[in-house]
C-alpha atoms as a PDB file:
ATOM      1  CA  MET A   1      63.010  72.051 -26.152  1.00  0.00           C
ATOM      2  CA  VAL A   2      60.745  73.292 -23.359  1.00  0.00           C
ATOM      3  CA  THR A   3      62.366  75.670 -20.907  1.00  0.00           C
ATOM      4  CA  THR A   4      61.378  76.603 -17.392  1.00  0.00           C
ATOM      5  CA  PRO A   5      61.243  80.276 -16.483  1.00  0.00           C
ATOM      6  CA  ARG A   6      63.767  81.439 -13.911  1.00  0.00           C
ATOM      7  CA  LEU A   7      64.526  84.513 -11.848  1.00  0.00           C
ATOM      8  CA  GLU A   8      67.748  86.449 -12.171  1.00  0.00           C
ATOM      9  CA  LYS A   9      69.193  89.318 -10.148  1.00  0.00           C
ATOM     10  CA  ILE A  10      69.484  92.666 -11.859  1.00  0.00           C
ATOM     11  CA  THR A  11      73.124  93.220 -12.858  1.00  0.00           C
ATOM     12  CA  PRO A  12      75.051  95.722 -14.987  1.00  0.00           C
ATOM     13  CA  GLY A  13      74.870  93.115 -17.753  1.00  0.00           C
ATOM     14  CA  ASN A  14      71.066  92.909 -17.825  1.00  0.00           C
ATOM     15  CA  PHE A  15      70.119  96.385 -16.577  1.00  0.00           C
ATOM     16  CA  ASP A  16      69.359  97.764 -20.061  1.00  0.00           C
ATOM     17  CA  ALA A  17      67.163  94.759 -20.874  1.00  0.00           C
ATOM     18  CA  ALA A  18      65.357  95.217 -17.564  1.00  0.00           C
ATOM     19  CA  ILE A  19      64.496  98.873 -18.102  1.00  0.00           C
ATOM     20  CA  ALA A  20      63.512  98.213 -21.728  1.00  0.00           C
ATOM     21  CA  LEU A  21      60.735  95.852 -20.595  1.00  0.00           C
ATOM     22  CA  LYS A  22      57.311  97.326 -21.331  1.00  0.00           C
ATOM     23  CA  VAL A  23      53.792  96.162 -20.532  1.00  0.00           C
ATOM     24  CA  ARG A  24      50.999  96.724 -23.034  1.00  0.00           C
ATOM     25  CA  PRO A  25      50.268 100.436 -23.569  1.00  0.00           C
ATOM     26  CA  ASP A  26      46.765 100.034 -22.101  1.00  0.00           C
ATOM     27  CA  GLN A  27      48.398  98.751 -18.891  1.00  0.00           C
ATOM     28  CA  ASP A  28      50.839 101.631 -18.352  1.00  0.00           C
ATOM     29  CA  HIS A  29      48.546 103.213 -15.756  1.00  0.00           C
ATOM     30  CA  LEU A  30      48.345  99.945 -13.777  1.00  0.00           C
ATOM     31  CA  VAL A  31      52.005  99.358 -12.917  1.00  0.00           C
ATOM     32  CA  ALA A  32      55.092 101.514 -12.523  1.00  0.00           C
ATOM     33  CA  PRO A  33      57.864 101.101 -15.084  1.00  0.00           C
ATOM     34  CA  VAL A  34      60.802  98.882 -14.194  1.00  0.00           C
ATOM     35  CA  VAL A  35      63.147 101.866 -13.909  1.00  0.00           C
ATOM     36  CA  LYS A  36      61.017 103.283 -11.059  1.00  0.00           C
ATOM     37  CA  SER A  37      61.059  99.912  -9.315  1.00  0.00           C
ATOM     38  CA  LEU A  38      64.847  99.760  -9.567  1.00  0.00           C
ATOM     39  CA  ALA A  39      65.117 103.272  -8.150  1.00  0.00           C
ATOM     40  CA  GLU A  40      62.907 102.185  -5.227  1.00  0.00           C
ATOM     41  CA  ALA A  41      65.061  99.090  -4.750  1.00  0.00           C
ATOM     42  CA  TYR A  42      68.083 101.379  -4.479  1.00  0.00           C
ATOM     43  CA  VAL A  43      66.317 103.581  -1.925  1.00  0.00           C
ATOM     44  CA  TYR A  44      65.030 100.596   0.098  1.00  0.00           C
ATOM     45  CA  PRO A  45      67.978  98.169   0.139  1.00  0.00           C
ATOM     46  CA  GLY A  46      67.292  95.004   2.055  1.00  0.00           C
ATOM     47  CA  VAL A  47      63.533  95.447   1.632  1.00  0.00           C
ATOM     48  CA  ALA A  48      63.074  95.400  -2.141  1.00  0.00           C
ATOM     49  CA  TRP A  49      63.893  92.179  -3.992  1.00  0.00           C
ATOM     50  CA  PRO A  50      63.946  92.963  -7.737  1.00  0.00           C
ATOM     51  CA  ARG A  51      64.286  90.112 -10.223  1.00  0.00           C
ATOM     52  CA  LEU A  52      64.049  89.604 -13.953  1.00  0.00           C
ATOM     53  CA  ILE A  53      61.934  86.736 -15.217  1.00  0.00           C
ATOM     54  CA  LEU A  54      63.698  84.917 -18.019  1.00  0.00           C
ATOM     55  CA  ASP A  55      62.639  82.104 -20.294  1.00  0.00           C
ATOM     56  CA  ASP A  56      65.833  80.655 -21.656  1.00  0.00           C
ATOM     57  CA  ASP A  57      67.777  83.913 -22.192  1.00  0.00           C
ATOM     58  CA  ARG A  58      64.705  85.976 -23.167  1.00  0.00           C
ATOM     59  CA  VAL A  59      63.502  88.644 -20.703  1.00  0.00           C
ATOM     60  CA  VAL A  60      59.766  88.046 -20.290  1.00  0.00           C
ATOM     61  CA  GLY A  61      59.019  89.945 -17.106  1.00  0.00           C
ATOM     62  CA  PHE A  62      60.088  91.685 -13.953  1.00  0.00           C
ATOM     63  CA  LEU A  63      59.004  91.331 -10.358  1.00  0.00           C
ATOM     64  CA  MET A  64      59.871  93.074  -7.166  1.00  0.00           C
ATOM     65  CA  ALA A  65      59.034  91.505  -3.836  1.00  0.00           C
ATOM     66  CA  PHE A  66      59.309  92.821  -0.293  1.00  0.00           C
ATOM     67  CA  PHE A  67      59.972  90.970   2.927  1.00  0.00           C
ATOM     68  CA  ASP A  68      59.059  91.726   6.520  1.00  0.00           C
ATOM     69  CA  ILE A  69      57.926  95.333   6.183  1.00  0.00           C
ATOM     70  CA  ASP A  70      55.664  97.215   8.567  1.00  0.00           C
ATOM     71  CA  PHE A  71      52.624  97.456   6.319  1.00  0.00           C
ATOM     72  CA  ALA A  72      50.874  99.840   8.702  1.00  0.00           C
ATOM     73  CA  GLY A  73      53.836 102.186   8.368  1.00  0.00           C
ATOM     74  CA  ASP A  74      53.458 103.429  11.919  1.00  0.00           C
ATOM     75  CA  GLY A  75      56.685 101.933  13.250  1.00  0.00           C
ATOM     76  CA  THR A  76      54.940  99.688  15.779  1.00  0.00           C
ATOM     77  CA  GLY A  77      55.814  96.442  14.022  1.00  0.00           C
ATOM     78  CA  THR A  78      52.298  95.113  14.569  1.00  0.00           C
ATOM     79  CA  ASP A  79      51.526  94.459  10.884  1.00  0.00           C
ATOM     80  CA  ILE A  80      54.593  92.842   9.337  1.00  0.00           C
ATOM     81  CA  ARG A  81      54.032  91.502   5.812  1.00  0.00           C
ATOM     82  CA  SER A  82      55.886  90.077   2.835  1.00  0.00           C
ATOM     83  CA  GLY A  83      54.702  89.985  -0.727  1.00  0.00           C
ATOM     84  CA  LEU A  84      54.706  91.094  -4.303  1.00  0.00           C
ATOM     85  CA  TRP A  85      55.419  94.799  -4.792  1.00  0.00           C
ATOM     86  CA  ARG A  86      55.503  94.886  -8.600  1.00  0.00           C
ATOM     87  CA  LEU A  87      54.803  92.529 -11.455  1.00  0.00           C
ATOM     88  CA  ASN A  88      55.464  93.562 -15.050  1.00  0.00           C
ATOM     89  CA  ILE A  89      55.043  90.954 -17.770  1.00  0.00           C
ATOM     90  CA  ALA A  90      56.272  92.055 -21.192  1.00  0.00           C
ATOM     91  CA  ALA A  91      53.532  92.996 -23.646  1.00  0.00           C
ATOM     92  CA  GLY A  92      54.236  90.132 -26.041  1.00  0.00           C
ATOM     93  CA  GLU A  93      54.690  87.545 -23.283  1.00  0.00           C
ATOM     94  CA  GLN A  94      51.385  87.818 -21.411  1.00  0.00           C
ATOM     95  CA  GLY A  95      49.078  84.840 -21.145  1.00  0.00           C
ATOM     96  CA  ARG A  96      51.914  82.295 -21.139  1.00  0.00           C
ATOM     97  CA  GLY A  97      52.101  81.542 -17.406  1.00  0.00           C
ATOM     98  CA  TYR A  98      54.913  83.935 -16.499  1.00  0.00           C
ATOM     99  CA  GLY A  99      52.751  85.881 -14.038  1.00  0.00           C
ATOM    100  CA  ARG A 100      51.733  82.666 -12.295  1.00  0.00           C
ATOM    101  CA  PHE A 101      55.387  81.608 -12.211  1.00  0.00           C
ATOM    102  CA  ALA A 102      56.331  84.973 -10.648  1.00  0.00           C
ATOM    103  CA  VAL A 103      53.732  84.676  -7.876  1.00  0.00           C
ATOM    104  CA  GLN A 104      54.815  81.092  -7.162  1.00  0.00           C
ATOM    105  CA  ALA A 105      58.481  82.145  -7.047  1.00  0.00           C
ATOM    106  CA  VAL A 106      57.736  84.919  -4.545  1.00  0.00           C
ATOM    107  CA  ALA A 107      55.610  82.519  -2.496  1.00  0.00           C
ATOM    108  CA  SER A 108      58.525  80.059  -2.391  1.00  0.00           C
ATOM    109  CA  GLU A 109      60.925  82.775  -1.245  1.00  0.00           C
ATOM    110  CA  ILE A 110      58.505  83.902   1.474  1.00  0.00           C
ATOM    111  CA  ARG A 111      58.155  80.290   2.679  1.00  0.00           C
ATOM    112  CA  ARG A 112      61.956  79.904   2.627  1.00  0.00           C
ATOM    113  CA  ARG A 113      62.175  82.925   4.921  1.00  0.00           C
ATOM    114  CA  GLY A 114      59.565  81.459   7.288  1.00  0.00           C
ATOM    115  CA  GLY A 115      56.521  83.393   6.069  1.00  0.00           C
ATOM    116  CA  THR A 116      53.019  82.018   5.682  1.00  0.00           C
ATOM    117  CA  CYS A 117      51.212  84.736   3.722  1.00  0.00           C
ATOM    118  CA  LEU A 118      51.853  86.650   0.489  1.00  0.00           C
ATOM    119  CA  THR A 119      50.430  90.183   0.188  1.00  0.00           C
ATOM    120  CA  ALA A 120      49.844  91.913  -3.142  1.00  0.00           C
ATOM    121  CA  CYS A 121      48.226  95.198  -4.147  1.00  0.00           C
ATOM    122  CA  TRP A 122      46.600  96.033  -7.459  1.00  0.00           C
ATOM    123  CA  HIS A 123      44.543  98.690  -9.148  1.00  0.00           C
ATOM    124  CA  PRO A 124      40.834  97.880  -9.112  1.00  0.00           C
ATOM    125  CA  GLY A 125      38.733  97.952 -12.239  1.00  0.00           C
ATOM    126  CA  SER A 126      37.853  95.775 -15.175  1.00  0.00           C
ATOM    127  CA  ASP A 127      41.129  96.649 -16.907  1.00  0.00           C
ATOM    128  CA  GLY A 128      43.234  95.698 -13.876  1.00  0.00           C
ATOM    129  CA  PRO A 129      44.767  92.389 -12.777  1.00  0.00           C
ATOM    130  CA  GLU A 130      42.224  91.533 -10.068  1.00  0.00           C
ATOM    131  CA  ALA A 131      40.842  88.472 -11.891  1.00  0.00           C
ATOM    132  CA  PHE A 132      44.410  87.169 -12.285  1.00  0.00           C
ATOM    133  CA  TYR A 133      45.146  87.452  -8.556  1.00  0.00           C
ATOM    134  CA  LEU A 134      41.775  86.103  -7.423  1.00  0.00           C
ATOM    135  CA  GLY A 135      42.213  83.184  -9.847  1.00  0.00           C
ATOM    136  CA  LEU A 136      45.463  82.309  -8.074  1.00  0.00           C
ATOM    137  CA  GLY A 137      43.650  82.134  -4.732  1.00  0.00           C
ATOM    138  CA  PHE A 138      44.213  85.618  -3.330  1.00  0.00           C
ATOM    139  CA  ARG A 139      41.428  86.947  -1.160  1.00  0.00           C
ATOM    140  CA  LEU A 140      40.587  90.605  -0.813  1.00  0.00           C
ATOM    141  CA  THR A 141      41.305  91.954   2.665  1.00  0.00           C
ATOM    142  CA  GLY A 142      38.992  94.946   2.356  1.00  0.00           C
ATOM    143  CA  GLU A 143      41.993  97.247   2.793  1.00  0.00           C
ATOM    144  CA  MET A 144      43.310  99.817   0.374  1.00  0.00           C
ATOM    145  CA  SER A 145      46.936 100.836  -0.022  1.00  0.00           C
ATOM    146  CA  GLY A 146      46.611 104.249  -1.597  1.00  0.00           C
ATOM    147  CA  ASP A 147      44.386 103.638  -4.615  1.00  0.00           C
ATOM    148  CA  GLN A 148      45.107  99.899  -4.739  1.00  0.00           C
ATOM    149  CA  ARG A 149      43.195  96.936  -3.344  1.00  0.00           C
ATOM    150  CA  VAL A 150      45.065  94.650  -0.980  1.00  0.00           C
ATOM    151  CA  GLY A 151      44.902  90.894  -1.346  1.00  0.00           C
ATOM    152  CA  GLU A 152      46.466  88.028   0.547  1.00  0.00           C
ATOM    153  CA  LEU A 153      47.383  84.499  -0.383  1.00  0.00           C
ATOM    154  CA  GLU A 154      47.778  82.046   2.461  1.00  0.00           C
ATOM    155  CA  LEU A 155      50.847  79.862   1.923  1.00  0.00           C
ATOM    156  CA  THR A 156      50.401  76.287   3.053  1.00  0.00           C
END
């Protein structure tokens, strides 16, 4: 039987499975661990949208999206964006379409909320996820967010 991945809220019942999720060891420097993301979600309620990615009942990944934040951070409200804050696909589950599913799920949620563009940031370099994001249609904006490149995907 073929299953379709799905998103699930983080609950007391799946919290331990969420924080146990690990990317490949060579990717540890590219993405924060799930426990840090959940701490940020606690600190930024209403902004962070953390979700587990499940295939059947198997945890295969984690994503955290954000909606309508002032990307410039200057309080002017002139650069409001929504997008993908974190994406962690479990080490043994990579290359199976779960990352693509996650981006599509966030894009759908942004559209549902009236948005037309998905922003994502990633570490540059040959060991980073840039090829993945560019392959999905993201375009580099030329901006940096800290040490990460910023990309955007127009939602049509």
